Amino acid sequence: MAAEDASHSPVFHEWRPGDPVGQLGAGELRVFVVSLGDDSDRDVAFEPATFGDWAILDDVERARALRFVRGRDRRRFAVCRAALRRILGALLEVPPGAVEFAAGTGGKPVLAAGIDRMPERPLHFNVSHSGELALIAACRGRELGVDIEQERPVREAKRIVESYFTPAELDRFAALDDLAQELAFLRGWTRKEAILKAIGVGLAGLATGYETMFGDDPLTPAFRPAGPRFRVHGWQLWEGRPRAGYIAALAVHDPDRY
């Protein structure tokens, strides 16, 4: 890994309500790991009156939370959005309830105009959640996208690879045994999702235009460059395992490499 890559290596930060966030230097990458609660299959009741951060959500977020049928899903969404507001509020030095969002390219959430006091080094962020974990990625001056997946068998993995992956990726996938394919698919999926979320397009849009492959190196609790494709058409690609049973990928704009 080149020296300039190491200086801006992303880091996982376990975050809990009340934890200090600090500030970001130019190009600094930070990925906050947020626990969304218990991951059991049992439904859990959720009432707004019992959720302390309900007041800092806006009307759209409250309505979205209440549309979930299961209480557990309501809670996870509310916890994730409240964490996003608290983290961004600390980085912007505004109250969490004052953070305002707008729709960027492809509907990607971005900060509303005027809320960032350092527009010369704009604060970029992205969010992903799966199971009981959420990731909130942030960087000043560099666009990014993040994805997390809970490890699990995906019944339609082969069909998805045939539809949305490149011929080289399909050949590599077909050469793996069934057990190896389960993990390989999720690693390839998170890599593509991270790039496409950074750009603001859906999987059906440009997935085959970004050949990320699946990765052979062991996943670690810290981010490492994603091999064999660390740079993919102007994006640096990182992957790691924030907790046991989860896979994460992060795509970061690399303006010097196209």
Protein backbone atom coordinates (compact mmCIF):
# COMPACT_ATOMS: atom_id res chain seq x y z
CA MET A 1 0.00 0.00 0.00
CA ALA A 2 1.41 3.36 -1.02
CA ALA A 3 2.30 5.91 1.62
CA GLU A 4 -0.43 8.31 0.55
CA ASP A 5 -3.01 5.55 0.91
CA ALA A 6 -1.85 4.67 4.41
CA SER A 7 -2.13 8.28 5.56
CA HIS A 8 -5.83 8.29 4.72
CA SER A 9 -6.69 4.73 5.73
CA PRO A 10 -10.26 4.44 7.06
CA VAL A 11 -10.73 3.36 10.67
CA PHE A 12 -13.65 1.67 12.41
CA HIS A 13 -14.86 3.62 15.48
CA GLU A 14 -17.26 1.94 17.87
CA TRP A 15 -19.79 4.66 18.73
CA ARG A 16 -22.37 4.90 21.50
CA PRO A 17 -24.68 7.79 22.37
CA GLY A 18 -22.70 10.34 24.33
CA ASP A 19 -19.31 9.37 22.87
CA PRO A 20 -17.21 12.32 21.67
CA VAL A 21 -16.82 12.53 17.91
CA GLY A 22 -14.12 15.16 17.40
CA GLN A 23 -13.40 16.75 14.05
CA LEU A 24 -12.15 15.47 10.70
CA GLY A 25 -9.00 16.66 9.00
CA ALA A 26 -8.86 17.09 5.21
CA GLY A 27 -9.16 13.67 3.59
CA GLU A 28 -9.52 11.86 6.94
CA LEU A 29 -11.82 8.84 6.76
CA ARG A 30 -13.86 7.61 9.69
CA VAL A 31 -16.45 4.86 9.85
CA PHE A 32 -18.63 4.75 12.97
CA VAL A 33 -19.99 1.35 14.03
CA VAL A 34 -23.41 1.73 15.68
CA SER A 35 -25.27 -1.02 17.51
CA LEU A 36 -28.97 -1.07 16.64
CA GLY A 37 -30.00 -3.50 19.38
CA ASP A 38 -30.66 -7.18 19.85
CA ASP A 39 -30.56 -9.36 16.74
CA SER A 40 -33.00 -12.06 17.87
CA ASP A 41 -35.96 -13.02 15.69
CA ARG A 42 -38.38 -12.10 18.46
CA ASP A 43 -40.30 -8.94 17.71
CA VAL A 44 -39.60 -6.12 20.14
CA ALA A 45 -42.14 -3.47 21.00
CA PHE A 46 -41.17 0.08 20.10
CA GLU A 47 -43.04 3.14 21.26
CA PRO A 48 -41.82 6.67 20.42
CA ALA A 49 -42.50 7.84 23.98
CA THR A 50 -39.86 5.42 25.27
CA PHE A 51 -37.19 6.42 22.73
CA GLY A 52 -35.19 9.34 24.08
CA ASP A 53 -33.99 10.59 20.69
CA TRP A 54 -37.42 10.64 19.02
CA ALA A 55 -37.54 14.44 19.33
CA ILE A 56 -34.36 15.01 17.29
CA LEU A 57 -35.76 13.16 14.24
CA ASP A 58 -37.64 15.18 11.65
CA ASP A 59 -41.20 14.51 10.50
CA VAL A 60 -40.09 12.45 7.50
CA GLU A 61 -37.89 10.20 9.64
CA ARG A 62 -40.62 9.68 12.23
CA ALA A 63 -43.13 8.77 9.53
CA ARG A 64 -40.68 6.31 7.95
CA ALA A 65 -40.00 4.68 11.32
CA LEU A 66 -43.70 4.20 12.01
CA ARG A 67 -44.30 2.61 8.61
CA PHE A 68 -42.32 -0.46 9.67
CA VAL A 69 -44.66 -3.22 10.83
CA ARG A 70 -42.30 -4.86 13.30
CA GLY A 71 -41.30 -2.99 16.40
CA ARG A 72 -37.71 -4.17 16.07
CA ASP A 73 -37.43 -2.62 12.62
CA ARG A 74 -38.97 0.63 13.86
CA ARG A 75 -36.41 0.80 16.64
CA ARG A 76 -33.45 -0.01 14.38
CA PHE A 77 -34.39 2.68 11.90
CA ALA A 78 -34.91 5.28 14.62
CA VAL A 79 -31.64 4.39 16.37
CA CYS A 80 -29.72 4.58 13.08
CA ARG A 81 -31.16 7.97 12.10
CA ALA A 82 -30.61 9.41 15.58
CA ALA A 83 -26.99 8.21 15.55
CA LEU A 84 -26.51 9.78 12.11
CA ARG A 85 -27.87 13.09 13.39
CA ARG A 86 -25.71 13.04 16.51
CA ILE A 87 -22.51 12.18 14.61
CA LEU A 88 -23.09 14.70 11.81
CA GLY A 89 -24.23 17.32 14.29
CA ALA A 90 -20.96 16.94 16.21
CA LEU A 91 -18.91 17.15 13.01
CA LEU A 92 -20.86 20.22 11.84
CA GLU A 93 -20.97 21.74 15.34
CA VAL A 94 -24.76 22.11 15.29
CA PRO A 95 -27.46 20.44 17.43
CA PRO A 96 -28.47 17.00 16.06
CA GLY A 97 -32.02 18.16 15.47
CA ALA A 98 -30.73 21.01 13.31
CA VAL A 99 -29.03 18.74 10.77
CA GLU A 100 -30.91 19.08 7.47
CA PHE A 101 -30.75 16.70 4.53
CA ALA A 102 -31.40 16.99 0.81
CA ALA A 103 -31.55 14.53 -2.07
CA GLY A 104 -28.42 14.32 -4.18
CA THR A 105 -27.72 12.34 -7.34
CA GLY A 106 -30.07 9.39 -7.64
CA GLY A 107 -31.76 10.38 -4.37
CA LYS A 108 -28.58 9.85 -2.33
CA PRO A 109 -28.92 11.69 1.01
CA VAL A 110 -26.62 14.72 1.27
CA LEU A 111 -26.42 17.71 3.59
CA ALA A 112 -28.75 20.59 2.79
CA ALA A 113 -27.10 23.67 1.31
CA GLY A 114 -25.73 26.15 3.82
CA ILE A 115 -25.45 23.88 6.84
CA ASP A 116 -21.76 23.08 6.37
CA ARG A 117 -19.50 25.88 7.57
CA MET A 118 -16.56 24.60 5.51
CA PRO A 119 -17.91 24.36 1.95
CA GLU A 120 -14.35 24.41 0.60
CA ARG A 121 -13.90 20.95 2.19
CA PRO A 122 -17.47 19.64 2.23
CA LEU A 123 -18.50 16.94 4.66
CA HIS A 124 -19.51 13.79 2.81
CA PHE A 125 -21.28 10.91 4.51
CA ASN A 126 -22.98 7.61 3.78
CA VAL A 127 -24.97 5.10 5.83
CA SER A 128 -25.58 1.37 5.67
CA HIS A 129 -27.20 -1.09 8.06
CA SER A 130 -27.72 -4.84 8.27
CA GLY A 131 -28.95 -6.93 11.17
CA GLU A 132 -28.03 -5.25 14.42
CA LEU A 133 -25.27 -2.99 13.06
CA ALA A 134 -25.11 0.27 11.15
CA LEU A 135 -22.09 1.98 9.62
CA ILE A 136 -21.89 5.75 9.24
CA ALA A 137 -18.96 6.84 7.07
CA ALA A 138 -17.72 10.43 6.98
CA CYS A 139 -14.96 12.33 5.23
CA ARG A 140 -14.16 15.96 4.51
CA GLY A 141 -13.40 16.67 0.88
CA ARG A 142 -13.80 13.17 -0.58
CA GLU A 143 -17.01 11.49 -1.73
CA LEU A 144 -17.65 8.00 -0.38
CA GLY A 145 -20.06 5.10 -0.09
CA VAL A 146 -20.28 2.32 2.50
CA ASP A 147 -22.04 -1.02 2.69
CA ILE A 148 -22.38 -3.65 5.41
CA GLU A 149 -23.86 -7.13 5.17
CA GLN A 150 -24.58 -9.71 7.82
CA GLU A 151 -23.11 -13.06 6.79
CA ARG A 152 -25.83 -15.44 5.62
CA PRO A 153 -26.60 -17.77 2.72
CA VAL A 154 -28.18 -15.97 -0.26
CA ARG A 155 -30.32 -18.36 -2.27
CA GLU A 156 -30.24 -16.24 -5.41
CA ALA A 157 -26.49 -15.55 -5.31
CA LYS A 158 -25.66 -17.33 -8.58
CA ARG A 159 -28.49 -15.60 -10.45
CA ILE A 160 -27.43 -12.21 -9.09
CA VAL A 161 -23.81 -12.77 -10.11
CA GLU A 162 -24.96 -13.79 -13.60
CA SER A 163 -27.09 -10.64 -13.87
CA TYR A 164 -24.99 -7.91 -12.28
CA PHE A 165 -21.35 -9.03 -12.27
CA THR A 166 -18.79 -9.02 -15.09
CA PRO A 167 -17.79 -12.13 -17.10
CA ALA A 168 -14.45 -12.27 -15.23
CA GLU A 169 -16.26 -12.12 -11.90
CA LEU A 170 -18.69 -14.82 -12.99
CA ASP A 171 -15.82 -17.11 -14.04
CA ARG A 172 -14.09 -16.59 -10.69
CA PHE A 173 -17.31 -17.24 -8.80
CA ALA A 174 -18.07 -20.43 -10.74
CA ALA A 175 -14.61 -21.81 -9.88
CA LEU A 176 -15.33 -21.69 -6.12
CA ASP A 177 -16.98 -24.48 -4.16
CA ASP A 178 -20.42 -23.91 -2.62
CA LEU A 179 -19.12 -22.94 0.83
CA ALA A 180 -16.59 -20.47 -0.56
CA GLN A 181 -19.24 -18.96 -2.83
CA GLU A 182 -21.35 -17.84 0.14
CA LEU A 183 -18.67 -15.55 1.56
CA ALA A 184 -17.33 -14.55 -1.86
CA PHE A 185 -20.74 -13.38 -3.00
CA LEU A 186 -21.23 -11.11 0.01
CA ARG A 187 -17.73 -9.67 -0.38
CA GLY A 188 -18.34 -8.92 -4.05
CA TRP A 189 -21.80 -7.54 -3.32
CA THR A 190 -20.63 -5.12 -0.62
CA ARG A 191 -17.81 -3.86 -2.84
CA LYS A 192 -20.15 -3.06 -5.70
CA GLU A 193 -22.78 -1.57 -3.41
CA ALA A 194 -20.22 0.74 -1.78
CA ILE A 195 -19.18 2.17 -5.16
CA LEU A 196 -22.72 2.48 -6.50
CA LYS A 197 -23.93 4.14 -3.29
CA ALA A 198 -21.05 6.61 -3.55
CA ILE A 199 -22.09 7.46 -7.09
CA GLY A 200 -25.80 7.50 -6.29
CA VAL A 201 -27.08 4.80 -8.66
CA GLY A 202 -28.81 1.47 -8.16
CA LEU A 203 -27.35 -1.98 -8.68
CA ALA A 204 -29.06 -2.34 -12.04
CA GLY A 205 -27.50 0.89 -13.28
CA LEU A 206 -23.72 0.50 -13.57
CA ALA A 207 -22.86 -2.67 -11.65
CA THR A 208 -21.09 -4.38 -14.52
CA GLY A 209 -19.05 -1.23 -15.18
CA TYR A 210 -17.15 -1.65 -11.90
CA GLU A 211 -15.22 -4.91 -11.75
CA THR A 212 -14.33 -5.32 -8.07
CA MET A 213 -13.87 -9.13 -7.91
CA PHE A 214 -14.44 -11.05 -4.67
CA GLY A 215 -11.20 -10.98 -2.71
CA ASP A 216 -8.91 -13.75 -1.49
CA ASP A 217 -7.22 -12.10 1.49
CA PRO A 218 -8.63 -12.82 4.97
CA LEU A 219 -11.06 -10.26 6.34
CA THR A 220 -9.77 -8.45 9.42
CA PRO A 221 -11.29 -6.25 12.17
CA ALA A 222 -9.53 -3.28 10.54
CA PHE A 223 -10.03 -1.95 7.03
CA ARG A 224 -7.52 -3.11 4.43
CA PRO A 225 -7.26 -2.39 0.70
CA ALA A 226 -9.58 -4.67 -1.24
CA GLY A 227 -7.55 -7.02 -3.43
CA PRO A 228 -7.12 -7.65 -6.25
CA ARG A 229 -8.93 -4.41 -7.20
CA PHE A 230 -7.99 -1.63 -4.77
CA ARG A 231 -8.56 1.12 -7.35
CA VAL A 232 -11.59 0.86 -9.59
CA HIS A 233 -12.23 3.70 -12.06
CA GLY A 234 -11.36 6.56 -9.72
CA TRP A 235 -12.41 4.86 -6.46
CA GLN A 236 -10.33 3.39 -3.68
CA LEU A 237 -11.94 0.27 -2.27
CA TRP A 238 -11.49 -0.98 1.30
CA GLU A 239 -13.02 -3.90 3.17
CA GLY A 240 -13.06 -5.29 6.70
CA ARG A 241 -15.03 -7.08 9.37
CA PRO A 242 -16.33 -4.57 11.94
CA ARG A 243 -17.69 -7.40 14.08
CA ALA A 244 -17.85 -11.17 13.83
CA GLY A 245 -20.47 -12.21 11.30
CA TYR A 246 -20.43 -8.94 9.32
CA ILE A 247 -18.64 -7.77 6.16
CA ALA A 248 -18.11 -4.11 5.26
CA ALA A 249 -16.82 -2.31 2.18
CA LEU A 250 -15.96 1.35 1.72
CA ALA A 251 -15.47 3.18 -1.58
CA VAL A 252 -13.66 6.53 -1.47
CA HIS A 253 -13.17 8.95 -4.36
CA ASP A 254 -9.58 8.95 -5.56
CA PRO A 255 -9.32 12.14 -7.67
CA ASP A 256 -5.77 11.41 -8.80
CA ARG A 257 -6.59 8.03 -10.31
CA TYR A 258 -9.07 7.48 -13.11
